[in-house]
Amino acid sequence: MVIFRLLGLVLIAGALMVFGADVLRSLESGEVGINSFAEVWALLDGRLGATSLESFKAWAEVTLPPAAWDPGVVSVLSYPAWAVLGVLGIIIALIFRPRNG
């Protein structure tokens, strides 16, 4: 339980960091700039020297039915990264919150 609570907090902290990076980029350029989840994944992917994003896309296209891949996974990859990380973190934190009683 503690591990999942920690995971939820890490995801929320990551969402806040990505949101802050988007705000700073927008302030520097004078235009609104929001990184999609796929862009952040690809940025981290390049830093790690792996190709997990492309591997995930290839796996999902083969494994998932077309109805789940095209509107589901593709749209989630295009959402703002801070929204995806934040929602996942909040859901995990709420599911594994300490129970009173």
PDB file of N, CA and C in Angstrom:
ATOM      1  N   MET A   1       0.817  -1.193   0.000  1.00  0.00           N
ATOM      2  CA  MET A   1       0.000   0.000   0.000  1.00  0.00           C
ATOM      3  C   MET A   1       0.863   1.258   0.000  1.00  0.00           C
ATOM      4  N   VAL A   2       1.921   1.236   0.781  1.00  0.00           N
ATOM      5  CA  VAL A   2       2.792   2.397   0.881  1.00  0.00           C
ATOM      6  C   VAL A   2       3.458   2.671  -0.466  1.00  0.00           C
ATOM      7  N   ILE A   3       3.822   1.632  -1.179  1.00  0.00           N
ATOM      8  CA  ILE A   3       4.479   1.794  -2.483  1.00  0.00           C
ATOM      9  C   ILE A   3       3.540   2.484  -3.465  1.00  0.00           C
ATOM     10  N   PHE A   4       2.265   2.106  -3.457  1.00  0.00           N
ATOM     11  CA  PHE A   4       1.314   2.726  -4.374  1.00  0.00           C
ATOM     12  C   PHE A   4       1.028   4.171  -3.984  1.00  0.00           C
ATOM     13  N   ARG A   5       0.985   4.458  -2.681  1.00  0.00           N
ATOM     14  CA  ARG A   5       0.827   5.854  -2.251  1.00  0.00           C
ATOM     15  C   ARG A   5       2.011   6.682  -2.719  1.00  0.00           C
ATOM     16  N   LEU A   6       3.197   6.135  -2.585  1.00  0.00           N
ATOM     17  CA  LEU A   6       4.395   6.834  -3.035  1.00  0.00           C
ATOM     18  C   LEU A   6       4.370   7.032  -4.552  1.00  0.00           C
ATOM     19  N   LEU A   7       3.932   6.016  -5.285  1.00  0.00           N
ATOM     20  CA  LEU A   7       3.816   6.136  -6.736  1.00  0.00           C
ATOM     21  C   LEU A   7       2.842   7.249  -7.106  1.00  0.00           C
ATOM     22  N   GLY A   8       1.712   7.321  -6.413  1.00  0.00           N
ATOM     23  CA  GLY A   8       0.747   8.385  -6.666  1.00  0.00           C
ATOM     24  C   GLY A   8       1.345   9.760  -6.422  1.00  0.00           C
ATOM     25  N   LEU A   9       2.092   9.906  -5.342  1.00  0.00           N
ATOM     26  CA  LEU A   9       2.730  11.187  -5.042  1.00  0.00           C
ATOM     27  C   LEU A   9       3.806  11.537  -6.063  1.00  0.00           C
ATOM     28  N   VAL A  10       4.545  10.544  -6.520  1.00  0.00           N
ATOM     29  CA  VAL A  10       5.570  10.790  -7.539  1.00  0.00           C
ATOM     30  C   VAL A  10       4.921  11.245  -8.846  1.00  0.00           C
ATOM     31  N   LEU A  11       3.814  10.630  -9.219  1.00  0.00           N
ATOM     32  CA  LEU A  11       3.120  11.036 -10.444  1.00  0.00           C
ATOM     33  C   LEU A  11       2.563  12.449 -10.318  1.00  0.00           C
ATOM     34  N   ILE A  12       2.017  12.787  -9.154  1.00  0.00           N
ATOM     35  CA  ILE A  12       1.510  14.144  -8.942  1.00  0.00           C
ATOM     36  C   ILE A  12       2.651  15.150  -8.986  1.00  0.00           C
ATOM     37  N   ALA A  13       3.780  14.824  -8.367  1.00  0.00           N
ATOM     38  CA  ALA A  13       4.945  15.712  -8.408  1.00  0.00           C
ATOM     39  C   ALA A  13       5.458  15.860  -9.838  1.00  0.00           C
ATOM     40  N   GLY A  14       5.466  14.776 -10.605  1.00  0.00           N
ATOM     41  CA  GLY A  14       5.873  14.850 -12.011  1.00  0.00           C
ATOM     42  C   GLY A  14       4.931  15.726 -12.814  1.00  0.00           C
ATOM     43  N   ALA A  15       3.632  15.638 -12.530  1.00  0.00           N
ATOM     44  CA  ALA A  15       2.658  16.485 -13.224  1.00  0.00           C
ATOM     45  C   ALA A  15       2.915  17.955 -12.917  1.00  0.00           C
ATOM     46  N   LEU A  16       3.212  18.253 -11.666  1.00  0.00           N
ATOM     47  CA  LEU A  16       3.502  19.647 -11.302  1.00  0.00           C
ATOM     48  C   LEU A  16       4.788  20.146 -11.964  1.00  0.00           C
ATOM     49  N   MET A  17       5.789  19.279 -12.081  1.00  0.00           N
ATOM     50  CA  MET A  17       7.037  19.680 -12.740  1.00  0.00           C
ATOM     51  C   MET A  17       6.814  19.939 -14.228  1.00  0.00           C
ATOM     52  N   VAL A  18       6.058  19.075 -14.885  1.00  0.00           N
ATOM     53  CA  VAL A  18       5.793  19.270 -16.318  1.00  0.00           C
ATOM     54  C   VAL A  18       4.940  20.519 -16.526  1.00  0.00           C
ATOM     55  N   PHE A  19       3.977  20.745 -15.630  1.00  0.00           N
ATOM     56  CA  PHE A  19       3.158  21.951 -15.722  1.00  0.00           C
ATOM     57  C   PHE A  19       4.022  23.198 -15.573  1.00  0.00           C
ATOM     58  N   GLY A  20       4.940  23.162 -14.612  1.00  0.00           N
ATOM     59  CA  GLY A  20       5.855  24.285 -14.433  1.00  0.00           C
ATOM     60  C   GLY A  20       6.735  24.516 -15.644  1.00  0.00           C
ATOM     61  N   ALA A  21       7.201  23.440 -16.256  1.00  0.00           N
ATOM     62  CA  ALA A  21       8.015  23.573 -17.469  1.00  0.00           C
ATOM     63  C   ALA A  21       7.200  24.182 -18.607  1.00  0.00           C
ATOM     64  N   ASP A  22       5.936  23.786 -18.723  1.00  0.00           N
ATOM     65  CA  ASP A  22       5.068  24.365 -19.751  1.00  0.00           C
ATOM     66  C   ASP A  22       4.837  25.849 -19.507  1.00  0.00           C
ATOM     67  N   VAL A  23       4.634  26.225 -18.242  1.00  0.00           N
ATOM     68  CA  VAL A  23       4.425  27.637 -17.912  1.00  0.00           C
ATOM     69  C   VAL A  23       5.673  28.447 -18.233  1.00  0.00           C
ATOM     70  N   LEU A  24       6.838  27.943 -17.850  1.00  0.00           N
ATOM     71  CA  LEU A  24       8.084  28.670 -18.133  1.00  0.00           C
ATOM     72  C   LEU A  24       8.330  28.798 -19.627  1.00  0.00           C
ATOM     73  N   ARG A  25       8.070  27.728 -20.368  1.00  0.00           N
ATOM     74  CA  ARG A  25       8.255  27.791 -21.820  1.00  0.00           C
ATOM     75  C   ARG A  25       7.302  28.793 -22.445  1.00  0.00           C
ATOM     76  N   SER A  26       6.073  28.846 -21.935  1.00  0.00           N
ATOM     77  CA  SER A  26       5.093  29.800 -22.451  1.00  0.00           C
ATOM     78  C   SER A  26       5.505  31.233 -22.139  1.00  0.00           C
ATOM     79  N   LEU A  27       6.022  31.461 -20.936  1.00  0.00           N
ATOM     80  CA  LEU A  27       6.467  32.804 -20.567  1.00  0.00           C
ATOM     81  C   LEU A  27       7.675  33.240 -21.392  1.00  0.00           C
ATOM     82  N   GLU A  28       8.584  32.328 -21.668  1.00  0.00           N
ATOM     83  CA  GLU A  28       9.778  32.669 -22.441  1.00  0.00           C
ATOM     84  C   GLU A  28       9.448  32.985 -23.891  1.00  0.00           C
ATOM     85  N   SER A  29       8.553  32.205 -24.480  1.00  0.00           N
ATOM     86  CA  SER A  29       8.261  32.386 -25.902  1.00  0.00           C
ATOM     87  C   SER A  29       7.162  33.406 -26.164  1.00  0.00           C
ATOM     88  N   GLY A  30       6.354  33.701 -25.159  1.00  0.00           N
ATOM     89  CA  GLY A  30       5.250  34.627 -25.365  1.00  0.00           C
ATOM     90  C   GLY A  30       4.026  33.971 -25.972  1.00  0.00           C
ATOM     91  N   GLU A  31       4.096  32.685 -26.239  1.00  0.00           N
ATOM     92  CA  GLU A  31       2.971  31.917 -26.779  1.00  0.00           C
ATOM     93  C   GLU A  31       2.719  30.732 -25.873  1.00  0.00           C
ATOM     94  N   VAL A  32       1.467  30.267 -25.883  1.00  0.00           N
ATOM     95  CA  VAL A  32       1.138  29.109 -25.061  1.00  0.00           C
ATOM     96  C   VAL A  32       1.763  27.867 -25.680  1.00  0.00           C
ATOM     97  N   GLY A  33       2.558  27.163 -24.892  1.00  0.00           N
ATOM     98  CA  GLY A  33       3.198  25.938 -25.350  1.00  0.00           C
ATOM     99  C   GLY A  33       2.956  24.822 -24.351  1.00  0.00           C
ATOM    100  N   ILE A  34       2.278  23.795 -24.791  1.00  0.00           N
ATOM    101  CA  ILE A  34       1.950  22.683 -23.903  1.00  0.00           C
ATOM    102  C   ILE A  34       2.527  21.404 -24.502  1.00  0.00           C
ATOM    103  N   ASN A  35       3.293  20.678 -23.702  1.00  0.00           N
ATOM    104  CA  ASN A  35       3.870  19.409 -24.148  1.00  0.00           C
ATOM    105  C   ASN A  35       2.848  18.295 -24.014  1.00  0.00           C
ATOM    106  N   SER A  36       2.698  17.514 -25.075  1.00  0.00           N
ATOM    107  CA  SER A  36       1.816  16.360 -24.996  1.00  0.00           C
ATOM    108  C   SER A  36       2.523  15.231 -24.238  1.00  0.00           C
ATOM    109  N   PHE A  37       1.745  14.253 -23.826  1.00  0.00           N
ATOM    110  CA  PHE A  37       2.306  13.113 -23.104  1.00  0.00           C
ATOM    111  C   PHE A  37       3.324  12.382 -23.978  1.00  0.00           C
ATOM    112  N   ALA A  38       3.036  12.258 -25.275  1.00  0.00           N
ATOM    113  CA  ALA A  38       3.970  11.588 -26.193  1.00  0.00           C
ATOM    114  C   ALA A  38       5.272  12.382 -26.329  1.00  0.00           C
ATOM    115  N   GLU A  39       5.192  13.711 -26.324  1.00  0.00           N
ATOM    116  CA  GLU A  39       6.404  14.528 -26.426  1.00  0.00           C
ATOM    117  C   GLU A  39       7.286  14.363 -25.198  1.00  0.00           C
ATOM    118  N   VAL A  40       6.677  14.358 -24.024  1.00  0.00           N
ATOM    119  CA  VAL A  40       7.453  14.189 -22.790  1.00  0.00           C
ATOM    120  C   VAL A  40       8.045  12.792 -22.733  1.00  0.00           C
ATOM    121  N   TRP A  41       7.261  11.790 -23.138  1.00  0.00           N
ATOM    122  CA  TRP A  41       7.754  10.416 -23.164  1.00  0.00           C
ATOM    123  C   TRP A  41       8.944  10.309 -24.117  1.00  0.00           C
ATOM    124  N   ALA A  42       8.812  10.917 -25.308  1.00  0.00           N
ATOM    125  CA  ALA A  42       9.908  10.866 -26.281  1.00  0.00           C
ATOM    126  C   ALA A  42      11.133  11.617 -25.768  1.00  0.00           C
ATOM    127  N   LEU A  43      10.924  12.716 -25.059  1.00  0.00           N
ATOM    128  CA  LEU A  43      12.039  13.460 -24.490  1.00  0.00           C
ATOM    129  C   LEU A  43      12.785  12.614 -23.461  1.00  0.00           C
ATOM    130  N   LEU A  44      12.050  11.960 -22.575  1.00  0.00           N
ATOM    131  CA  LEU A  44      12.676  11.076 -21.591  1.00  0.00           C
ATOM    132  C   LEU A  44      13.286   9.856 -22.262  1.00  0.00           C
ATOM    133  N   ASP A  45      12.636   9.383 -23.307  1.00  0.00           N
ATOM    134  CA  ASP A  45      13.127   8.233 -24.062  1.00  0.00           C
ATOM    135  C   ASP A  45      14.491   8.530 -24.669  1.00  0.00           C
ATOM    136  N   GLY A  46      14.650   9.720 -25.220  1.00  0.00           N
ATOM    137  CA  GLY A  46      15.926  10.114 -25.817  1.00  0.00           C
ATOM    138  C   GLY A  46      17.024  10.234 -24.782  1.00  0.00           C
ATOM    139  N   ARG A  47      16.671  10.684 -23.587  1.00  0.00           N
ATOM    140  CA  ARG A  47      17.646  10.811 -22.508  1.00  0.00           C
ATOM    141  C   ARG A  47      18.109   9.442 -22.026  1.00  0.00           C
ATOM    142  N   LEU A  48      17.212   8.480 -22.046  1.00  0.00           N
ATOM    143  CA  LEU A  48      17.550   7.149 -21.566  1.00  0.00           C
ATOM    144  C   LEU A  48      18.190   6.288 -22.643  1.00  0.00           C
ATOM    145  N   GLY A  49      18.143   6.735 -23.887  1.00  0.00           N
ATOM    146  CA  GLY A  49      18.752   5.992 -24.977  1.00  0.00           C
ATOM    147  C   GLY A  49      17.951   4.774 -25.387  1.00  0.00           C
ATOM    148  N   ALA A  50      16.659   4.790 -25.143  1.00  0.00           N
ATOM    149  CA  ALA A  50      15.803   3.653 -25.484  1.00  0.00           C
ATOM    150  C   ALA A  50      14.744   4.104 -26.489  1.00  0.00           C
ATOM    151  N   THR A  51      13.957   3.162 -26.957  1.00  0.00           N
ATOM    152  CA  THR A  51      12.868   3.471 -27.878  1.00  0.00           C
ATOM    153  C   THR A  51      11.568   2.889 -27.348  1.00  0.00           C
ATOM    154  N   SER A  52      11.283   3.137 -26.092  1.00  0.00           N
ATOM    155  CA  SER A  52      10.110   2.526 -25.481  1.00  0.00           C
ATOM    156  C   SER A  52       8.808   3.090 -26.037  1.00  0.00           C
ATOM    157  N   LEU A  53       8.774   4.357 -26.436  1.00  0.00           N
ATOM    158  CA  LEU A  53       7.547   4.923 -26.994  1.00  0.00           C
ATOM    159  C   LEU A  53       7.170   4.230 -28.289  1.00  0.00           C
ATOM    160  N   GLU A  54       8.133   4.059 -29.188  1.00  0.00           N
ATOM    161  CA  GLU A  54       7.849   3.370 -30.448  1.00  0.00           C
ATOM    162  C   GLU A  54       7.508   1.901 -30.203  1.00  0.00           C
ATOM    163  N   SER A  55       8.179   1.278 -29.252  1.00  0.00           N
ATOM    164  CA  SER A  55       7.869  -0.112 -28.913  1.00  0.00           C
ATOM    165  C   SER A  55       6.465  -0.229 -28.351  1.00  0.00           C
ATOM    166  N   PHE A  56       6.062   0.730 -27.499  1.00  0.00           N
ATOM    167  CA  PHE A  56       4.715   0.711 -26.945  1.00  0.00           C
ATOM    168  C   PHE A  56       3.675   0.896 -28.037  1.00  0.00           C
ATOM    169  N   LYS A  57       3.923   1.836 -28.954  1.00  0.00           N
ATOM    170  CA  LYS A  57       2.978   2.051 -30.052  1.00  0.00           C
ATOM    171  C   LYS A  57       2.826   0.795 -30.906  1.00  0.00           C
ATOM    172  N   ALA A  58       3.941   0.143 -31.229  1.00  0.00           N
ATOM    173  CA  ALA A  58       3.883  -1.079 -32.036  1.00  0.00           C
ATOM    174  C   ALA A  58       3.157  -2.184 -31.286  1.00  0.00           C
ATOM    175  N   TRP A  59       3.432  -2.324 -29.986  1.00  0.00           N
ATOM    176  CA  TRP A  59       2.755  -3.342 -29.180  1.00  0.00           C
ATOM    177  C   TRP A  59       1.260  -3.063 -29.092  1.00  0.00           C
ATOM    178  N   ALA A  60       0.890  -1.812 -28.857  1.00  0.00           N
ATOM    179  CA  ALA A  60      -0.521  -1.463 -28.697  1.00  0.00           C
ATOM    180  C   ALA A  60      -1.291  -1.641 -30.003  1.00  0.00           C
ATOM    181  N   GLU A  61      -0.677  -1.333 -31.141  1.00  0.00           N
ATOM    182  CA  GLU A  61      -1.359  -1.506 -32.421  1.00  0.00           C
ATOM    183  C   GLU A  61      -1.653  -2.974 -32.696  1.00  0.00           C
ATOM    184  N   VAL A  62      -0.756  -3.860 -32.268  1.00  0.00           N
ATOM    185  CA  VAL A  62      -0.937  -5.289 -32.516  1.00  0.00           C
ATOM    186  C   VAL A  62      -1.864  -5.911 -31.478  1.00  0.00           C
ATOM    187  N   THR A  63      -1.701  -5.529 -30.226  1.00  0.00           N
ATOM    188  CA  THR A  63      -2.410  -6.179 -29.131  1.00  0.00           C
ATOM    189  C   THR A  63      -3.827  -5.660 -28.942  1.00  0.00           C
ATOM    190  N   LEU A  64      -3.994  -4.354 -28.963  1.00  0.00           N
ATOM    191  CA  LEU A  64      -5.302  -3.760 -28.687  1.00  0.00           C
ATOM    192  C   LEU A  64      -6.194  -3.806 -29.916  1.00  0.00           C
ATOM    193  N   PRO A  65      -7.498  -3.920 -29.709  1.00  0.00           N
ATOM    194  CA  PRO A  65      -8.405  -3.838 -30.857  1.00  0.00           C
ATOM    195  C   PRO A  65      -8.379  -2.424 -31.436  1.00  0.00           C
ATOM    196  N   PRO A  66      -8.655  -2.294 -32.738  1.00  0.00           N
ATOM    197  CA  PRO A  66      -8.594  -0.965 -33.373  1.00  0.00           C
ATOM    198  C   PRO A  66      -9.492   0.074 -32.701  1.00  0.00           C
ATOM    199  N   ALA A  67     -10.608  -0.347 -32.135  1.00  0.00           N
ATOM    200  CA  ALA A  67     -11.512   0.595 -31.472  1.00  0.00           C
ATOM    201  C   ALA A  67     -10.879   1.184 -30.209  1.00  0.00           C
ATOM    202  N   ALA A  68     -10.005   0.442 -29.566  1.00  0.00           N
ATOM    203  CA  ALA A  68      -9.335   0.960 -28.363  1.00  0.00           C
ATOM    204  C   ALA A  68      -8.074   1.726 -28.722  1.00  0.00           C
ATOM    205  N   TRP A  69      -7.384   1.322 -29.785  1.00  0.00           N
ATOM    206  CA  TRP A  69      -6.119   1.972 -30.148  1.00  0.00           C
ATOM    207  C   TRP A  69      -6.356   3.370 -30.706  1.00  0.00           C
ATOM    208  N   ASP A  70      -7.214   3.467 -31.746  1.00  0.00           N
ATOM    209  CA  ASP A  70      -7.324   4.740 -32.450  1.00  0.00           C
ATOM    210  C   ASP A  70      -7.928   5.853 -31.592  1.00  0.00           C
ATOM    211  N   PRO A  71      -9.112   5.708 -31.030  1.00  0.00           N
ATOM    212  CA  PRO A  71      -9.597   6.849 -30.246  1.00  0.00           C
ATOM    213  C   PRO A  71      -9.034   6.884 -28.828  1.00  0.00           C
ATOM    214  N   GLY A  72      -8.658   5.739 -28.287  1.00  0.00           N
ATOM    215  CA  GLY A  72      -8.244   5.682 -26.892  1.00  0.00           C
ATOM    216  C   GLY A  72      -6.800   6.046 -26.663  1.00  0.00           C
ATOM    217  N   VAL A  73      -5.899   5.183 -27.066  1.00  0.00           N
ATOM    218  CA  VAL A  73      -4.474   5.346 -26.778  1.00  0.00           C
ATOM    219  C   VAL A  73      -3.899   6.544 -27.533  1.00  0.00           C
ATOM    220  N   VAL A  74      -4.288   6.731 -28.766  1.00  0.00           N
ATOM    221  CA  VAL A  74      -3.755   7.840 -29.558  1.00  0.00           C
ATOM    222  C   VAL A  74      -4.162   9.180 -28.941  1.00  0.00           C
ATOM    223  N   SER A  75      -5.405   9.274 -28.470  1.00  0.00           N
ATOM    224  CA  SER A  75      -5.831  10.538 -27.876  1.00  0.00           C
ATOM    225  C   SER A  75      -5.153  10.781 -26.532  1.00  0.00           C
ATOM    226  N   VAL A  76      -4.926   9.734 -25.729  1.00  0.00           N
ATOM    227  CA  VAL A  76      -4.242   9.914 -24.449  1.00  0.00           C
ATOM    228  C   VAL A  76      -2.808  10.378 -24.679  1.00  0.00           C
ATOM    229  N   LEU A  77      -2.159   9.869 -25.704  1.00  0.00           N
ATOM    230  CA  LEU A  77      -0.798  10.307 -26.018  1.00  0.00           C
ATOM    231  C   LEU A  77      -0.752  11.764 -26.466  1.00  0.00           C
ATOM    232  N   SER A  78      -1.872  12.304 -26.950  1.00  0.00           N
ATOM    233  CA  SER A  78      -1.897  13.697 -27.401  1.00  0.00           C
ATOM    234  C   SER A  78      -2.359  14.664 -26.310  1.00  0.00           C
ATOM    235  N   TYR A  79      -2.835  14.161 -25.174  1.00  0.00           N
ATOM    236  CA  TYR A  79      -3.243  15.023 -24.062  1.00  0.00           C
ATOM    237  C   TYR A  79      -2.025  15.691 -23.448  1.00  0.00           C
ATOM    238  N   PRO A  80      -2.232  16.817 -22.749  1.00  0.00           N
ATOM    239  CA  PRO A  80      -1.111  17.437 -22.037  1.00  0.00           C
ATOM    240  C   PRO A  80      -0.526  16.467 -21.006  1.00  0.00           C
ATOM    241  N   ALA A  81       0.783  16.441 -20.923  1.00  0.00           N
ATOM    242  CA  ALA A  81       1.461  15.492 -20.038  1.00  0.00           C
ATOM    243  C   ALA A  81       1.096  15.720 -18.583  1.00  0.00           C
ATOM    244  N   TRP A  82       0.949  16.991 -18.181  1.00  0.00           N
ATOM    245  CA  TRP A  82       0.624  17.256 -16.785  1.00  0.00           C
ATOM    246  C   TRP A  82      -0.761  16.731 -16.439  1.00  0.00           C
ATOM    247  N   ALA A  83      -1.677  16.724 -17.398  1.00  0.00           N
ATOM    248  CA  ALA A  83      -3.022  16.211 -17.130  1.00  0.00           C
ATOM    249  C   ALA A  83      -3.004  14.690 -16.979  1.00  0.00           C
ATOM    250  N   VAL A  84      -2.282  14.008 -17.851  1.00  0.00           N
ATOM    251  CA  VAL A  84      -2.222  12.542 -17.784  1.00  0.00           C
ATOM    252  C   VAL A  84      -1.562  12.094 -16.488  1.00  0.00           C
ATOM    253  N   LEU A  85      -0.408  12.679 -16.172  1.00  0.00           N
ATOM    254  CA  LEU A  85       0.301  12.296 -14.950  1.00  0.00           C
ATOM    255  C   LEU A  85      -0.496  12.672 -13.711  1.00  0.00           C
ATOM    256  N   GLY A  86      -1.103  13.842 -13.720  1.00  0.00           N
ATOM    257  CA  GLY A  86      -1.873  14.297 -12.569  1.00  0.00           C
ATOM    258  C   GLY A  86      -3.088  13.439 -12.298  1.00  0.00           C
ATOM    259  N   VAL A  87      -3.835  13.115 -13.345  1.00  0.00           N
ATOM    260  CA  VAL A  87      -5.032  12.285 -13.161  1.00  0.00           C
ATOM    261  C   VAL A  87      -4.650  10.888 -12.677  1.00  0.00           C
ATOM    262  N   LEU A  88      -3.625  10.286 -13.281  1.00  0.00           N
ATOM    263  CA  LEU A  88      -3.184   8.967 -12.816  1.00  0.00           C
ATOM    264  C   LEU A  88      -2.719   9.017 -11.365  1.00  0.00           C
ATOM    265  N   GLY A  89      -1.962  10.054 -11.007  1.00  0.00           N
ATOM    266  CA  GLY A  89      -1.475  10.185  -9.643  1.00  0.00           C
ATOM    267  C   GLY A  89      -2.593  10.371  -8.642  1.00  0.00           C
ATOM    268  N   ILE A  90      -3.580  11.190  -8.983  1.00  0.00           N
ATOM    269  CA  ILE A  90      -4.703  11.425  -8.078  1.00  0.00           C
ATOM    270  C   ILE A  90      -5.534  10.163  -7.911  1.00  0.00           C
ATOM    271  N   ILE A  91      -5.776   9.443  -9.011  1.00  0.00           N
ATOM    272  CA  ILE A  91      -6.560   8.201  -8.923  1.00  0.00           C
ATOM    273  C   ILE A  91      -5.841   7.181  -8.044  1.00  0.00           C
ATOM    274  N   ILE A  92      -4.547   6.998  -8.265  1.00  0.00           N
ATOM    275  CA  ILE A  92      -3.784   6.042  -7.450  1.00  0.00           C
ATOM    276  C   ILE A  92      -3.751   6.485  -5.988  1.00  0.00           C
ATOM    277  N   ALA A  93      -3.557   7.787  -5.746  1.00  0.00           N
ATOM    278  CA  ALA A  93      -3.520   8.287  -4.367  1.00  0.00           C
ATOM    279  C   ALA A  93      -4.866   8.109  -3.669  1.00  0.00           C
ATOM    280  N   LEU A  94      -5.962   8.283  -4.395  1.00  0.00           N
ATOM    281  CA  LEU A  94      -7.285   8.105  -3.782  1.00  0.00           C
ATOM    282  C   LEU A  94      -7.609   6.635  -3.520  1.00  0.00           C
ATOM    283  N   ILE A  95      -7.221   5.775  -4.443  1.00  0.00           N
ATOM    284  CA  ILE A  95      -7.506   4.349  -4.257  1.00  0.00           C
ATOM    285  C   ILE A  95      -6.739   3.792  -3.072  1.00  0.00           C
ATOM    286  N   PHE A  96      -5.491   4.200  -2.906  1.00  0.00           N
ATOM    287  CA  PHE A  96      -4.637   3.641  -1.861  1.00  0.00           C
ATOM    288  C   PHE A  96      -4.437   4.579  -0.675  1.00  0.00           C
ATOM    289  N   ARG A  97      -5.398   5.479  -0.452  1.00  0.00           N
ATOM    290  CA  ARG A  97      -5.272   6.378   0.698  1.00  0.00           C
ATOM    291  C   ARG A  97      -5.479   5.605   1.999  1.00  0.00           C
ATOM    292  N   PRO A  98      -4.927   6.118   3.091  1.00  0.00           N
ATOM    293  CA  PRO A  98      -5.102   5.421   4.369  1.00  0.00           C
ATOM    294  C   PRO A  98      -6.560   5.468   4.808  1.00  0.00           C
ATOM    295  N   ARG A  99      -7.048   4.367   5.305  1.00  0.00           N
ATOM    296  CA  ARG A  99      -8.433   4.263   5.760  1.00  0.00           C
ATOM    297  C   ARG A  99      -8.504   4.614   7.244  1.00  0.00           C
ATOM    298  N   ASN A 100      -9.503   5.398   7.601  1.00  0.00           N
ATOM    299  CA  ASN A 100      -9.729   5.711   9.011  1.00  0.00           C
ATOM    300  C   ASN A 100     -10.710   4.694   9.599  1.00  0.00           C
ATOM    301  N   GLY A 101     -10.366   4.162  10.730  1.00  0.00           N
ATOM    302  CA  GLY A 101     -11.313   3.274  11.389  1.00  0.00           C
ATOM    303  C   GLY A 101     -10.922   1.899  11.530  1.00  0.00           C
TER     304      GLY A 101
END
